Amino acid sequence: MSEYYCHAVHGDDCAALIQASPLISENTKRVAREYGMLMRMGSVLRAGGTLVSPALTAIRNSGAGVNPRIADRRLAIAFSQLSHRAADGYFKPVYRELTPEYYENDFAATPSDIRIMHDIAVYHARKNMKLADGDPKYDALIFQHIVPLSDDQSPADARFLETVFGGRVIQELLGLHDLFPKNADTIQKLKAYIMALDPIYIDTVRYADMAAQPFINHVQRYIIEPNFYDPDDPFISLAVDIQNGSTPDRARLAAAKAADPQGLSQWGATLALGVRYYEAAQAYMDGDIDLGAFEEIALS
């Protein structure tokens, strides 16, 4: 998926949708409601499958003496990582199909235009909704130049702020180390830390320029033709309505699941995956399926 913005929104959408699922426990729904900011952070964390299975296994095997706060945080991060994997699992092949030139040249180390366009499209689709009130993701300055570039202010100033911001995110992510079970494999934890330390680079100048004046061919190629986002998509509309204050509707979620997958937008298809992964995780924690079955569904 996109660098970070879309992952955060996707995590919010999945957390909303499971409120309507009869296959998700009331405790998991509560955690999704109460730990929204932590789940948002987890949705952008590059820990992958190294974190999910140990965390869910610890929850499944935990006894009455487990610290409730640690259990809740562990559950929030593990579930939000499933949102990340659902989004990446769908969109990374899409990016290679729609923008092969990006992966065949020296620009692969920077955000591709399609990822930036996806962030901008989601932002504009929702910035005036009720769910955006007080949410920093929808701040009016989010896609503007943070540092005005002028004769006495070089681009290096903007890059410095980007580096500071990225470092702060890494610090926060590494502060979540207590989410691993005490007996977690050391190699697994080390791999997760290394992935979290992967350079966080967001080109704010390109974001601002493209948000102010997007290329028409980009809109057509990356948004319209592949049906990236449709507000009438059953998964999208339900997720948005719940975040806007509507009561979670089990019947609408069931109808969304029964809809023809070919009729879903790309964003809706990733939400369908996210819900499926969340429900599989719940089944594993409840003892209804084993670890192999869960990983085959959500982590393979």
Protein backbone atom coordinates (compact mmCIF):
# COMPACT_ATOMS: atom_id res chain seq x y z
CA MET A 1 0.00 0.00 0.00
CA SER A 2 1.04 3.65 0.25
CA GLU A 3 3.92 4.75 2.39
CA TYR A 4 1.93 5.25 5.60
CA TYR A 5 -1.24 7.30 5.23
CA CYS A 6 -3.41 4.68 3.55
CA HIS A 7 -2.20 2.02 5.96
CA ALA A 8 -3.43 4.12 8.89
CA VAL A 9 -6.84 4.70 7.27
CA HIS A 10 -7.09 1.04 6.33
CA GLY A 11 -6.43 0.06 9.93
CA ASP A 12 -9.21 2.39 11.10
CA ASP A 13 -11.60 0.89 8.55
CA CYS A 14 -10.87 -2.70 9.60
CA ALA A 15 -11.25 -1.82 13.27
CA ALA A 16 -14.65 -0.32 12.46
CA LEU A 17 -15.84 -3.25 10.33
CA ILE A 18 -15.15 -5.90 12.96
CA GLN A 19 -17.63 -4.10 15.23
CA ALA A 20 -20.30 -5.57 12.94
CA SER A 21 -18.88 -9.10 12.85
CA PRO A 22 -20.60 -11.83 14.87
CA LEU A 23 -17.35 -13.84 14.64
CA ILE A 24 -15.36 -11.28 16.64
CA SER A 25 -15.54 -11.43 20.45
CA GLU A 26 -16.84 -8.52 22.49
CA ASN A 27 -13.44 -8.18 24.14
CA THR A 28 -11.68 -7.81 20.79
CA LYS A 29 -14.24 -5.24 19.70
CA ARG A 30 -13.65 -3.33 22.92
CA VAL A 31 -9.90 -3.31 22.36
CA ALA A 32 -10.43 -2.02 18.81
CA ARG A 33 -12.54 0.84 20.18
CA GLU A 34 -10.35 1.74 23.14
CA TYR A 35 -6.92 1.38 21.52
CA GLY A 36 -7.61 3.10 18.23
CA MET A 37 -4.43 5.17 18.22
CA LEU A 38 -2.26 2.18 19.09
CA MET A 39 -3.90 0.13 16.35
CA ARG A 40 -3.24 2.97 13.93
CA MET A 41 0.44 2.83 14.85
CA GLY A 42 0.42 -0.94 14.48
CA SER A 43 -1.06 -0.67 11.01
CA VAL A 44 2.06 1.13 9.77
CA LEU A 45 4.55 -1.03 11.70
CA ARG A 46 6.81 -3.10 9.48
CA ALA A 47 6.94 -6.12 11.78
CA GLY A 48 5.00 -8.48 9.53
CA GLY A 49 4.40 -12.05 10.59
CA THR A 50 7.22 -11.97 13.13
CA LEU A 51 4.92 -10.31 15.66
CA VAL A 52 1.43 -11.59 14.93
CA SER A 53 1.71 -15.31 15.65
CA PRO A 54 3.65 -15.01 18.94
CA ALA A 55 1.27 -12.34 20.23
CA LEU A 56 -1.89 -14.26 19.36
CA THR A 57 -0.43 -17.49 20.72
CA ALA A 58 0.39 -15.79 24.01
CA ILE A 59 -3.19 -14.52 24.23
CA ARG A 60 -4.58 -17.95 23.39
CA ASN A 61 -2.44 -19.61 26.06
CA SER A 62 -2.69 -16.90 28.71
CA GLY A 63 -4.11 -17.66 32.11
CA ALA A 64 -5.97 -15.55 34.64
CA GLY A 65 -2.77 -13.92 35.90
CA VAL A 66 -1.92 -12.06 32.70
CA ASN A 67 -1.65 -8.26 32.93
CA PRO A 68 -4.86 -6.95 31.24
CA ARG A 69 -3.15 -3.85 29.88
CA ILE A 70 -0.37 -5.83 28.21
CA ALA A 71 -2.89 -8.32 26.83
CA ASP A 72 -4.98 -5.52 25.35
CA ARG A 73 -1.97 -3.80 23.78
CA ARG A 74 -0.66 -7.07 22.40
CA LEU A 75 -4.04 -7.81 20.85
CA ALA A 76 -4.35 -4.31 19.36
CA ILE A 77 -0.95 -4.45 17.66
CA ALA A 78 -1.37 -8.02 16.41
CA PHE A 79 -4.75 -7.27 14.84
CA SER A 80 -3.62 -4.00 13.30
CA GLN A 81 -0.68 -5.82 11.70
CA LEU A 82 -3.22 -8.03 9.95
CA SER A 83 -4.68 -4.89 8.38
CA HIS A 84 -1.18 -4.00 7.15
CA ARG A 85 -0.70 -7.44 5.62
CA ALA A 86 -4.12 -7.42 3.96
CA ALA A 87 -3.40 -4.08 2.31
CA ASP A 88 0.13 -4.96 1.21
CA GLY A 89 -0.85 -8.42 0.04
CA TYR A 90 -3.39 -6.90 -2.32
CA PHE A 91 -1.72 -3.71 -3.46
CA LYS A 92 1.92 -4.67 -3.94
CA PRO A 93 1.08 -6.87 -6.97
CA VAL A 94 -1.16 -4.06 -8.22
CA TYR A 95 1.72 -1.59 -8.06
CA ARG A 96 3.97 -3.91 -10.02
CA GLU A 97 1.26 -4.32 -12.65
CA LEU A 98 0.28 -0.66 -13.00
CA THR A 99 3.74 0.89 -12.55
CA PRO A 100 6.35 -1.63 -13.72
CA GLU A 101 8.64 1.24 -14.69
CA TYR A 102 8.99 2.18 -11.04
CA TYR A 103 10.36 -1.24 -10.12
CA GLU A 104 12.70 -1.41 -13.11
CA ASN A 105 14.74 1.74 -12.51
CA ASP A 106 16.63 3.63 -9.85
CA PHE A 107 13.55 5.31 -8.36
CA ALA A 108 12.49 2.24 -6.37
CA ALA A 109 13.94 3.73 -3.17
CA THR A 110 11.46 6.61 -3.07
CA PRO A 111 7.63 6.62 -2.87
CA SER A 112 6.12 5.89 -6.28
CA ASP A 113 3.55 8.28 -7.72
CA ILE A 114 0.77 5.70 -7.45
CA ARG A 115 1.28 5.38 -3.70
CA ILE A 116 1.17 9.12 -3.23
CA MET A 117 -1.95 9.36 -5.40
CA HIS A 118 -3.68 6.71 -3.30
CA ASP A 119 -2.93 8.63 -0.10
CA ILE A 120 -4.23 11.85 -1.61
CA ALA A 121 -7.37 10.20 -3.02
CA VAL A 122 -8.36 8.72 0.36
CA TYR A 123 -7.65 12.00 2.13
CA HIS A 124 -9.87 14.01 -0.23
CA ALA A 125 -12.62 11.38 -0.14
CA ARG A 126 -13.00 11.73 3.63
CA LYS A 127 -11.61 15.04 4.82
CA ASN A 128 -15.06 16.66 5.11
CA MET A 129 -16.78 13.77 6.85
CA LYS A 130 -17.79 13.62 10.49
CA LEU A 131 -15.12 10.97 11.12
CA ALA A 132 -12.46 13.57 10.22
CA ASP A 133 -13.38 15.89 13.11
CA GLY A 134 -10.42 16.13 15.46
CA ASP A 135 -8.52 13.41 13.58
CA PRO A 136 -4.96 14.53 12.78
CA LYS A 137 -4.98 12.42 9.61
CA TYR A 138 -7.41 14.89 8.07
CA ASP A 139 -5.75 18.12 9.16
CA ALA A 140 -5.89 20.76 6.44
CA LEU A 141 -2.10 20.99 6.45
CA ILE A 142 -1.48 17.28 6.03
CA PHE A 143 -0.52 17.50 2.36
CA GLN A 144 0.95 20.97 2.32
CA HIS A 145 4.62 21.94 2.52
CA ILE A 146 5.52 21.85 6.20
CA VAL A 147 8.46 24.15 5.59
CA PRO A 148 7.79 26.93 3.01
CA LEU A 149 10.68 26.83 0.57
CA SER A 150 12.11 30.30 -0.13
CA ASP A 151 15.40 31.96 -1.03
CA ASP A 152 16.66 31.79 2.54
CA GLN A 153 15.24 28.36 3.35
CA SER A 154 16.71 25.43 1.46
CA PRO A 155 15.10 22.05 0.70
CA ALA A 156 17.52 20.63 3.26
CA ASP A 157 15.42 22.29 5.96
CA ALA A 158 12.38 20.32 4.87
CA ARG A 159 14.42 17.12 4.72
CA PHE A 160 15.66 17.73 8.26
CA LEU A 161 12.10 17.90 9.58
CA GLU A 162 11.23 14.72 7.70
CA THR A 163 14.17 12.94 9.35
CA VAL A 164 13.16 14.16 12.80
CA PHE A 165 9.58 13.01 12.22
CA GLY A 166 10.71 9.60 10.99
CA GLY A 167 13.00 9.16 13.98
CA ARG A 168 10.16 9.98 16.36
CA VAL A 169 7.94 7.36 14.75
CA ILE A 170 10.69 4.75 15.12
CA GLN A 171 11.13 5.64 18.79
CA GLU A 172 7.42 5.15 19.43
CA LEU A 173 7.35 1.83 17.59
CA LEU A 174 10.34 0.46 19.45
CA GLY A 175 8.69 1.51 22.70
CA LEU A 176 6.15 -1.25 22.09
CA HIS A 177 8.69 -3.95 22.94
CA ASP A 178 6.58 -5.27 25.84
CA LEU A 179 4.08 -6.57 23.31
CA PHE A 180 6.23 -9.65 22.78
CA PRO A 181 5.56 -12.55 25.15
CA LYS A 182 8.36 -13.03 27.69
CA ASN A 183 9.37 -16.32 26.09
CA ALA A 184 9.28 -14.97 22.52
CA ASP A 185 12.07 -16.13 20.28
CA THR A 186 14.97 -13.65 20.36
CA ILE A 187 15.53 -13.91 16.61
CA GLN A 188 11.88 -13.06 15.97
CA LYS A 189 12.13 -9.96 18.13
CA LEU A 190 15.39 -8.90 16.47
CA LYS A 191 13.90 -9.26 13.01
CA ALA A 192 10.91 -7.15 14.05
CA TYR A 193 13.18 -4.42 15.45
CA ILE A 194 15.28 -4.37 12.28
CA MET A 195 12.16 -4.00 10.17
CA ALA A 196 10.93 -1.21 12.41
CA LEU A 197 14.26 0.55 11.91
CA ASP A 198 13.89 0.32 8.14
CA PRO A 199 14.33 3.91 6.91
CA ILE A 200 11.11 5.89 7.13
CA TYR A 201 11.13 8.29 4.21
CA ILE A 202 8.20 10.46 3.19
CA ASP A 203 8.80 13.01 0.44
CA THR A 204 6.56 15.80 1.71
CA VAL A 205 7.42 18.07 -1.22
CA ARG A 206 6.13 15.60 -3.79
CA TYR A 207 3.05 14.94 -1.68
CA ALA A 208 2.27 18.64 -1.48
CA ASP A 209 2.85 19.26 -5.18
CA MET A 210 0.74 16.31 -6.28
CA ALA A 211 -2.07 17.15 -3.85
CA ALA A 212 -2.21 20.74 -5.10
CA GLN A 213 -2.15 19.81 -8.78
CA PRO A 214 -2.43 16.08 -9.54
CA PHE A 215 -1.52 14.90 -13.01
CA ILE A 216 -4.65 14.06 -14.99
CA ASN A 217 -3.07 10.92 -16.42
CA HIS A 218 -2.20 9.79 -12.89
CA VAL A 219 -5.81 10.19 -11.76
CA GLN A 220 -7.02 8.22 -14.76
CA ARG A 221 -4.37 5.50 -14.58
CA TYR A 222 -4.14 4.97 -10.83
CA ILE A 223 -7.56 5.93 -9.47
CA ILE A 224 -10.34 5.80 -12.07
CA GLU A 225 -9.45 2.93 -14.41
CA PRO A 226 -8.58 0.35 -11.72
CA ASN A 227 -11.53 1.46 -9.54
CA PHE A 228 -9.32 2.26 -6.58
CA TYR A 229 -12.00 3.73 -4.32
CA ASP A 230 -15.79 3.69 -4.60
CA PRO A 231 -17.80 5.30 -1.76
CA ASP A 232 -20.71 2.99 -2.62
CA ASP A 233 -18.59 -0.13 -2.17
CA PRO A 234 -20.38 -2.15 0.56
CA PHE A 235 -17.26 -2.53 2.70
CA ILE A 236 -16.24 1.11 2.36
CA SER A 237 -19.70 2.53 2.99
CA LEU A 238 -20.18 0.39 6.11
CA ALA A 239 -16.75 1.25 7.51
CA VAL A 240 -17.34 4.96 6.91
CA ASP A 241 -20.84 4.90 8.39
CA ILE A 242 -19.63 3.18 11.57
CA GLN A 243 -16.83 5.72 11.97
CA ASN A 244 -19.36 8.50 11.39
CA GLY A 245 -21.40 7.22 14.32
CA SER A 246 -23.83 4.68 12.87
CA THR A 247 -24.63 1.47 14.72
CA PRO A 248 -22.59 -1.49 13.39
CA ASP A 249 -24.93 -3.49 11.16
CA ARG A 250 -24.33 -7.24 10.97
CA ALA A 251 -26.68 -7.61 8.02
CA ARG A 252 -24.75 -5.06 5.97
CA LEU A 253 -21.45 -6.80 6.71
CA ALA A 254 -22.96 -10.14 5.73
CA ALA A 255 -24.24 -8.59 2.48
CA ALA A 256 -20.81 -7.12 1.78
CA LYS A 257 -19.20 -10.52 2.25
CA ALA A 258 -21.74 -12.09 -0.10
CA ALA A 259 -21.18 -9.46 -2.81
CA ASP A 260 -19.45 -10.38 -6.05
CA PRO A 261 -15.72 -9.79 -5.42
CA GLN A 262 -15.35 -8.56 -8.99
CA GLY A 263 -17.72 -5.71 -8.18
CA LEU A 264 -15.67 -4.41 -5.26
CA SER A 265 -13.31 -1.49 -5.54
CA GLN A 266 -9.64 -2.13 -4.84
CA TRP A 267 -9.96 -0.52 -1.41
CA GLY A 268 -13.07 -2.56 -0.66
CA ALA A 269 -11.31 -5.77 -1.66
CA THR A 270 -8.53 -5.07 0.83
CA LEU A 271 -11.09 -4.43 3.58
CA ALA A 272 -12.72 -7.77 2.79
CA LEU A 273 -9.30 -9.39 3.26
CA GLY A 274 -8.75 -7.51 6.51
CA VAL A 275 -12.05 -8.71 7.98
CA ARG A 276 -11.24 -12.27 6.92
CA TYR A 277 -7.82 -12.09 8.59
CA TYR A 278 -9.29 -10.62 11.79
CA GLU A 279 -11.94 -13.32 12.01
CA ALA A 280 -9.31 -16.03 11.46
CA ALA A 281 -7.21 -14.53 14.27
CA GLN A 282 -10.22 -14.59 16.57
CA ALA A 283 -10.90 -18.23 15.68
CA TYR A 284 -7.29 -19.09 16.51
CA MET A 285 -7.37 -17.28 19.85
CA ASP A 286 -10.63 -19.06 20.72
CA GLY A 287 -9.13 -22.46 19.90
CA ASP A 288 -11.41 -23.11 16.92
CA ILE A 289 -8.50 -23.48 14.47
CA ASP A 290 -4.83 -24.28 14.98
CA LEU A 291 -1.84 -22.03 14.27
CA GLY A 292 -1.15 -23.59 10.89
CA ALA A 293 -4.70 -22.95 9.69
CA PHE A 294 -4.59 -19.34 10.88
CA GLU A 295 -1.22 -18.65 9.23
CA GLU A 296 -2.39 -20.24 6.00
CA ILE A 297 -5.29 -17.78 5.89
CA ALA A 298 -3.60 -14.60 7.09
CA LEU A 299 0.17 -14.94 6.91
CA SER A 300 0.96 -17.15 3.95
